[in-house]
Structures are given as structure tokens and as C-alpha cells.
Amino acid sequence: MKNDIRSLDLNLLKALDALLDEGSVTRAARRLSLTQPAVSGMLTRLRDHFGDPLFVRTSHGMVPTLRASTLAVPVKQIITDIAILLKPQEFDPLQAELTFTLAATDYALRAVIVPLMAALKQRAPHVRIAVRAVDSERLSQQLSRGDVDLALVTPQTTPEDLHGRALYEEKYVCVAREGHPLAASGKISLEQFCQQEHVLVSSEGRFTGVTDEALTAVGMSRRVSMAVNSFLVVPDVLRVTDMIAVVPGRMVPADGSLVKLTLPLSVPGFTKSMAWHERTHHDPAHRWIRALCVETCG
């Protein structure tokens, strides 16, 4: 079938467009950076495909047939559309109006998303951020479906089928309220540490965590009087009690209401990372937001 689209090479359409514009095989060949015989051969194929001479020679040069004239506008539109389609996609953060959905824990909300938003308001004022809780069991599915664009997790909790990148290494610190009996020295012995009342963060409501594992390794234990399911409430609890807490360093408020006490034992920290799906791996907007996360967390 001569007019089957599968038999029509895009280069033939480009040649037809050039011939229509130039009215000359020689000039069309020069424009296409091809030899004159090559363009003549392409014109033969075009004539065969459309079943029409397309151009006839007159004393004034090559003149398009009625069929060729009706093809002029749609052929140029097709070439323009394909050029736009093949043009590398660009992302202009100042003009972009889109929403990124991030999956985050309450810790990542404070440690990553707050500084990210501060930067976004300056660099991409029309970009919105939607935050939802991390659902470890459905994370891969959420990312593959586009329900979530970026997940703030740890390498250990990142499914193998996702891309991932570390943002930073987090360390634990010991904190107490300003005015706490131990705040003046800024130091606390291991014995004092174990004697103090502690508040601990546990999503399951447990009274033990990584700090207790470190204490057990040295034959010690502490008094955990309260277990909460969010880091965000810990500063409020400490401000109104003489309790202390071991928290990630980025959770310590910058207002000076809490004082850091030298942690009297080594408590392993963790790596905060981000994860994303292959479907957004090369997207310019998604690459930009990932790069901004790296920058603002650095």
C-alpha cells in the first residue's frame, strides 16, 4: 500500500518541505546538506508514495502540483511538531507551576522538608509540596504510579527496585531544657545519664531503642519514663520537665530552649536518603528537586 504511513520516512517529509520552500532540487539539496542525486532519489520515492508528480518543470522552474500544494501546510506542521517533540525538555523553576508529593516521617519533615521549603520559596515560588506519611509496604507501588514523587527514607528501608541517594549522616545528641540541673556544665556522666528520666521516640510505643542497645552492650540501662510516636513533641516535653532525651542532631530547636549535653556513650547514627522510581529518573523537574534536596541538606 503506497500511502501506508509505515513506508513514509521522516526524511522524505523533510525533503518535500525543502522542495516546496525552495522550488529547486539543487537548493533543497544545499539546505538539507545532501547531494543533488540524493534529493532527486527522494523526490522519486515521494512521487511513488503519493501517486502524484508533486512537481512539474516549467520555464519558471519547478512548480508544485495541486496535490503538493495541499501537502505544504500539514507537512510543515508535522516537521515542526516532531522538532518540538524531540527537543530536550527544559525546566524553569521560576516559571514552573507543579506539585511534588514527598513521603516523609516526622523527622524528615523537620530535617529535610523545612529547609527545602525555604529554598523553594526563593527559587521556585509557584511549586507546591504535598507531604504524606511513609508507607513502607506500598512505597514502590506509590512511586511507580506517581502517587509519590520522592521518598525520604534510609538505605535500609529503600526497596531494591528504586533509585536512591544518601543526603547526609545523622548523629544522635543528648538534650535537656535550658535551666536543667545538668545544663550548666554541659556534661553528663554515664551514671548520671542512666539515673535521669528519659523520653524516647517509638512508633510502636516501646520503651527501648538504639540507645538502650548501646547501654546493654556496656552492661548498663536507663530510666525511660515516656515513649512518644513523634520527634516533634519531644522539645515540648523537655521544656516542662527535667527529663532528658537522645535525639537526632537535626531535631534540636535553634531557639536555644534546649541544651546539648555530651553523650557519655557511642550511639550509632543513621543515613538519611531519598528514593525515587525509574519513571522519573531522567525528568528535568524531578532531577532539579532532587538536586535541591541534596544542596539544602548539605
Protein backbone atom coordinates (compact mmCIF):
# COMPACT_ATOMS: atom_id res chain seq x y z
CA MET A 1 0.00 0.00 0.00
CA LYS A 2 1.71 3.17 -1.20
CA ASN A 3 0.18 5.56 1.30
CA ASP A 4 0.85 3.38 4.35
CA ILE A 5 2.42 5.67 6.98
CA ARG A 6 4.92 2.93 7.85
CA SER A 7 6.51 3.29 4.41
CA LEU A 8 6.99 7.05 4.71
CA ASP A 9 10.37 8.08 6.05
CA LEU A 10 10.52 11.30 8.08
CA ASN A 11 13.48 12.34 5.94
CA LEU A 12 11.18 12.21 2.90
CA LEU A 13 8.84 14.71 4.54
CA LYS A 14 11.80 16.98 5.28
CA ALA A 15 12.84 16.72 1.64
CA LEU A 16 9.29 17.53 0.47
CA ASP A 17 9.19 20.55 2.79
CA ALA A 18 12.51 21.80 1.43
CA LEU A 19 11.43 21.26 -2.18
CA LEU A 20 8.20 23.15 -1.57
CA ASP A 21 10.07 26.04 0.01
CA GLU A 22 12.97 26.21 -2.47
CA GLY A 23 11.29 25.17 -5.73
CA SER A 24 14.60 23.62 -6.80
CA VAL A 25 16.30 20.25 -6.26
CA THR A 26 19.69 21.96 -6.15
CA ARG A 27 18.69 24.50 -3.48
CA ALA A 28 16.79 21.86 -1.48
CA ALA A 29 19.88 19.62 -1.52
CA ARG A 30 22.02 22.51 -0.25
CA ARG A 31 19.55 23.24 2.53
CA LEU A 32 19.43 19.58 3.58
CA SER A 33 23.22 19.15 3.27
CA LEU A 34 22.67 16.34 0.77
CA THR A 35 23.79 15.72 -2.80
CA GLN A 36 21.51 16.61 -5.69
CA PRO A 37 21.19 12.95 -6.79
CA ALA A 38 20.15 12.00 -3.26
CA VAL A 39 17.35 14.59 -3.24
CA SER A 40 16.28 13.55 -6.74
CA GLY A 41 16.01 9.98 -5.49
CA MET A 42 13.91 11.13 -2.54
CA LEU A 43 11.59 13.03 -4.86
CA THR A 44 11.11 9.84 -6.88
CA ARG A 45 10.13 7.97 -3.73
CA LEU A 46 7.75 10.77 -2.74
CA ARG A 47 6.07 10.65 -6.15
CA ASP A 48 5.68 6.91 -5.82
CA HIS A 49 4.26 7.18 -2.31
CA PHE A 50 1.68 9.88 -3.10
CA GLY A 51 0.93 8.67 -6.62
CA ASP A 52 1.41 12.17 -7.94
CA PRO A 53 4.21 14.01 -9.81
CA LEU A 54 4.23 16.61 -6.99
CA PHE A 55 6.40 18.96 -9.11
CA VAL A 56 6.45 19.74 -12.83
CA ARG A 57 9.13 21.58 -14.74
CA THR A 58 8.19 24.81 -16.44
CA SER A 59 10.08 27.70 -17.94
CA HIS A 60 9.94 29.28 -14.48
CA GLY A 61 11.40 26.23 -12.70
CA MET A 62 9.73 23.51 -10.62
CA VAL A 63 6.09 24.19 -9.89
CA PRO A 64 4.16 22.18 -7.29
CA THR A 65 1.10 20.26 -8.39
CA LEU A 66 -2.23 20.81 -6.71
CA ARG A 67 -1.58 17.70 -4.57
CA ALA A 68 1.81 19.04 -3.48
CA SER A 69 0.31 22.43 -2.63
CA THR A 70 -2.29 20.82 -0.36
CA LEU A 71 0.50 18.95 1.42
CA ALA A 72 2.60 22.04 2.13
CA VAL A 73 0.94 23.22 5.37
CA PRO A 74 0.37 19.83 7.06
CA VAL A 75 3.90 18.64 6.18
CA LYS A 76 5.48 21.74 7.73
CA GLN A 77 3.26 21.32 10.81
CA ILE A 78 4.31 17.70 11.20
CA ILE A 79 8.01 18.60 10.97
CA THR A 80 7.55 21.42 13.49
CA ASP A 81 5.67 19.17 15.90
CA ILE A 82 8.34 16.46 15.69
CA ALA A 83 11.08 19.04 16.28
CA ILE A 84 9.26 20.18 19.43
CA LEU A 85 8.77 16.55 20.49
CA LEU A 86 12.48 15.77 20.09
CA LYS A 87 13.71 18.98 21.69
CA PRO A 88 15.27 18.32 25.12
CA GLN A 89 12.76 19.11 27.83
CA GLU A 90 13.72 22.08 29.98
CA PHE A 91 12.68 23.06 33.47
CA ASP A 92 12.46 26.66 34.56
CA PRO A 93 11.91 26.70 38.33
CA LEU A 94 10.92 30.36 38.39
CA GLN A 95 8.05 29.73 35.96
CA ALA A 96 7.11 26.17 36.93
CA GLU A 97 3.65 25.56 38.37
CA LEU A 98 3.53 21.97 39.59
CA THR A 99 3.23 19.89 42.74
CA PHE A 100 5.76 17.45 44.13
CA THR A 101 4.49 14.80 46.53
CA LEU A 102 7.02 13.67 49.13
CA ALA A 103 6.72 10.76 51.53
CA ALA A 104 8.35 11.59 54.84
CA THR A 105 8.48 10.73 58.51
CA ASP A 106 8.00 13.47 61.08
CA TYR A 107 11.79 13.53 61.43
CA ALA A 108 12.31 14.12 57.69
CA LEU A 109 9.56 16.72 57.74
CA ARG A 110 11.62 18.84 60.13
CA ALA A 111 15.13 17.91 58.98
CA VAL A 112 14.68 17.89 55.20
CA ILE A 113 11.41 19.47 54.08
CA VAL A 114 11.57 22.63 56.20
CA PRO A 115 14.93 23.76 54.73
CA LEU A 116 13.75 22.57 51.32
CA MET A 117 10.69 24.82 51.51
CA ALA A 118 12.83 27.79 52.48
CA ALA A 119 14.85 27.33 49.30
CA LEU A 120 11.79 26.64 47.15
CA LYS A 121 10.13 29.92 48.06
CA GLN A 122 13.18 31.72 46.69
CA ARG A 123 13.89 29.62 43.60
CA ALA A 124 10.56 28.12 42.58
CA PRO A 125 7.82 30.29 44.11
CA HIS A 126 4.95 28.56 42.27
CA VAL A 127 5.97 24.98 43.08
CA ARG A 128 3.86 23.26 45.74
CA ILE A 129 4.89 20.47 48.11
CA ALA A 130 2.49 17.82 49.37
CA VAL A 131 3.72 15.63 52.22
CA ARG A 132 2.33 12.23 53.11
CA ALA A 133 3.41 9.59 55.60
CA VAL A 134 5.84 6.90 54.52
CA ASP A 135 4.06 3.62 53.80
CA SER A 136 6.94 1.15 53.59
CA GLU A 137 4.80 -1.71 52.30
CA ARG A 138 3.35 0.30 49.42
CA LEU A 139 6.25 2.65 48.70
CA SER A 140 7.37 1.05 45.42
CA GLN A 141 3.81 1.00 44.13
CA GLN A 142 3.19 4.61 45.13
CA LEU A 143 6.32 5.77 43.33
CA SER A 144 5.66 3.70 40.20
CA ARG A 145 2.08 5.02 39.95
CA GLY A 146 3.12 8.62 40.55
CA ASP A 147 1.23 8.91 43.85
CA VAL A 148 4.58 9.85 45.41
CA ASP A 149 7.44 11.58 43.60
CA LEU A 150 10.18 11.29 46.18
CA ALA A 151 10.51 9.33 49.43
CA LEU A 152 12.71 10.44 52.32
CA VAL A 153 13.83 7.20 53.89
CA THR A 154 17.02 5.34 54.83
CA PRO A 155 19.11 2.98 52.67
CA GLN A 156 17.93 0.05 54.79
CA THR A 157 14.27 0.79 54.08
CA THR A 158 14.67 1.56 50.36
CA PRO A 159 13.24 -1.20 48.11
CA GLU A 160 15.78 -2.66 45.69
CA ASP A 161 13.80 -1.64 42.61
CA LEU A 162 14.14 2.08 43.39
CA HIS A 163 16.88 4.62 42.79
CA GLY A 164 18.42 6.06 45.94
CA ARG A 165 20.92 8.65 47.10
CA ALA A 166 22.25 9.49 50.55
CA LEU A 167 21.57 13.01 51.78
CA TYR A 168 23.62 13.11 54.97
CA GLU A 169 24.80 11.16 58.01
CA GLU A 170 22.82 11.91 61.17
CA LYS A 171 24.25 11.72 64.68
CA TYR A 172 22.42 11.42 67.99
CA VAL A 173 22.82 14.01 70.74
CA CYS A 174 21.63 14.24 74.32
CA VAL A 175 19.44 17.26 75.15
CA ALA A 176 17.74 18.82 78.18
CA ARG A 177 15.87 22.03 78.82
CA GLU A 178 17.68 25.30 79.39
CA GLY A 179 17.98 25.59 83.17
CA HIS A 180 18.16 21.83 83.74
CA PRO A 181 20.38 20.98 86.76
CA LEU A 182 22.94 19.43 84.39
CA ALA A 183 22.75 22.16 81.75
CA ALA A 184 25.34 24.47 83.30
CA SER A 185 28.24 22.07 82.84
CA GLY A 186 27.04 20.70 79.51
CA LYS A 187 28.39 17.34 80.60
CA ILE A 188 26.79 14.21 81.92
CA SER A 189 28.48 11.05 83.18
CA LEU A 190 27.26 7.62 82.16
CA GLU A 191 25.94 7.05 85.68
CA GLN A 192 24.05 10.35 85.67
CA PHE A 193 22.75 9.57 82.20
CA CYS A 194 21.27 6.29 83.38
CA GLN A 195 19.77 7.85 86.52
CA GLN A 196 17.91 10.61 84.65
CA GLU A 197 14.37 10.15 83.38
CA HIS A 198 14.24 9.85 79.61
CA VAL A 199 11.68 10.47 76.91
CA LEU A 200 12.04 8.18 73.91
CA VAL A 201 10.55 8.20 70.40
CA SER A 202 8.98 4.92 69.30
CA SER A 203 6.31 4.48 66.66
CA GLU A 204 5.30 1.21 68.39
CA GLY A 205 5.19 2.69 71.88
CA ARG A 206 8.22 0.67 73.03
CA PHE A 207 10.44 1.87 75.87
CA THR A 208 13.70 0.74 74.26
CA GLY A 209 15.66 1.84 71.21
CA VAL A 210 19.18 2.15 69.79
CA THR A 211 20.39 3.96 72.91
CA ASP A 212 19.29 1.06 75.09
CA GLU A 213 21.08 -1.38 72.81
CA ALA A 214 24.28 0.65 73.24
CA LEU A 215 23.77 0.68 77.03
CA THR A 216 23.19 -3.07 77.15
CA ALA A 217 26.49 -3.57 75.34
CA VAL A 218 28.30 -1.90 78.27
CA GLY A 219 26.15 -3.58 80.96
CA MET A 220 24.03 -0.51 81.78
CA SER A 221 20.39 0.58 81.47
CA ARG A 222 18.43 3.83 81.78
CA ARG A 223 15.05 5.06 83.04
CA VAL A 224 12.64 5.66 80.17
CA SER A 225 9.52 7.26 81.61
CA MET A 226 7.78 8.27 78.40
CA ALA A 227 7.53 6.90 74.86
CA VAL A 228 6.05 9.14 72.15
CA ASN A 229 5.45 8.49 68.48
CA SER A 230 6.88 11.76 67.16
CA PHE A 231 10.15 13.64 67.47
CA LEU A 232 8.28 16.92 67.09
CA VAL A 233 6.73 16.77 70.57
CA VAL A 234 9.96 15.88 72.41
CA PRO A 235 11.17 19.51 72.80
CA ASP A 236 7.80 20.48 74.32
CA VAL A 237 8.05 17.65 76.86
CA LEU A 238 11.62 18.56 77.79
CA ARG A 239 10.80 22.24 78.27
CA VAL A 240 8.28 21.48 81.03
CA THR A 241 10.16 18.66 82.81
CA ASP A 242 13.62 17.70 83.99
CA MET A 243 13.64 14.75 81.61
CA ILE A 244 16.37 14.32 79.00
CA ALA A 245 16.32 12.72 75.56
CA VAL A 246 18.64 11.29 72.95
CA VAL A 247 17.53 12.66 69.59
CA PRO A 248 18.94 13.16 66.10
CA GLY A 249 21.01 16.33 66.00
CA ARG A 250 18.82 17.99 63.40
CA MET A 251 15.85 17.75 65.75
CA VAL A 252 17.33 20.19 68.26
CA PRO A 253 15.47 23.54 68.01
CA ALA A 254 17.60 26.53 67.05
CA ASP A 255 15.87 28.81 69.58
CA GLY A 256 18.22 27.87 72.45
CA SER A 257 15.44 26.40 74.57
CA LEU A 258 17.27 23.08 74.74
CA VAL A 259 20.86 22.48 75.75
CA LYS A 260 23.09 19.75 74.36
CA LEU A 261 24.81 17.50 76.88
CA THR A 262 27.86 15.50 75.85
CA LEU A 263 26.58 12.00 75.13
CA PRO A 264 28.51 9.69 77.52
CA LEU A 265 28.42 6.67 75.18
CA SER A 266 28.53 5.96 71.49
CA VAL A 267 25.10 5.60 69.90
CA PRO A 268 25.13 4.63 66.19
CA GLY A 269 23.58 7.25 63.94
CA PHE A 270 21.87 6.68 60.60
CA THR A 271 21.92 7.74 56.97
CA LYS A 272 19.05 9.82 55.67
CA SER A 273 18.46 9.22 51.98
CA MET A 274 15.91 9.78 49.25
CA ALA A 275 14.38 7.23 46.88
CA TRP A 276 12.62 7.58 43.54
CA HIS A 277 11.35 5.47 40.65
CA GLU A 278 12.90 4.90 37.23
CA ARG A 279 9.89 6.61 35.60
CA THR A 280 11.04 9.99 36.97
CA HIS A 281 14.78 9.31 36.95
CA HIS A 282 15.53 11.44 33.87
CA ASP A 283 12.75 14.02 34.20
CA PRO A 284 14.30 17.54 34.41
CA ALA A 285 11.88 18.77 37.10
CA HIS A 286 12.44 15.73 39.27
CA ARG A 287 16.20 15.91 38.80
CA TRP A 288 16.05 19.55 39.88
CA ILE A 289 14.09 18.87 43.08
CA ARG A 290 16.43 16.00 43.98
CA ALA A 291 19.47 18.23 43.47
CA LEU A 292 17.88 20.90 45.67
CA CYS A 293 17.32 18.32 48.41
CA VAL A 294 20.99 17.41 48.30
CA GLU A 295 22.00 21.06 48.38
CA THR A 296 19.74 22.15 51.23
CA CYS A 297 20.62 19.12 53.35
CA GLY A 298 24.33 19.67 52.85
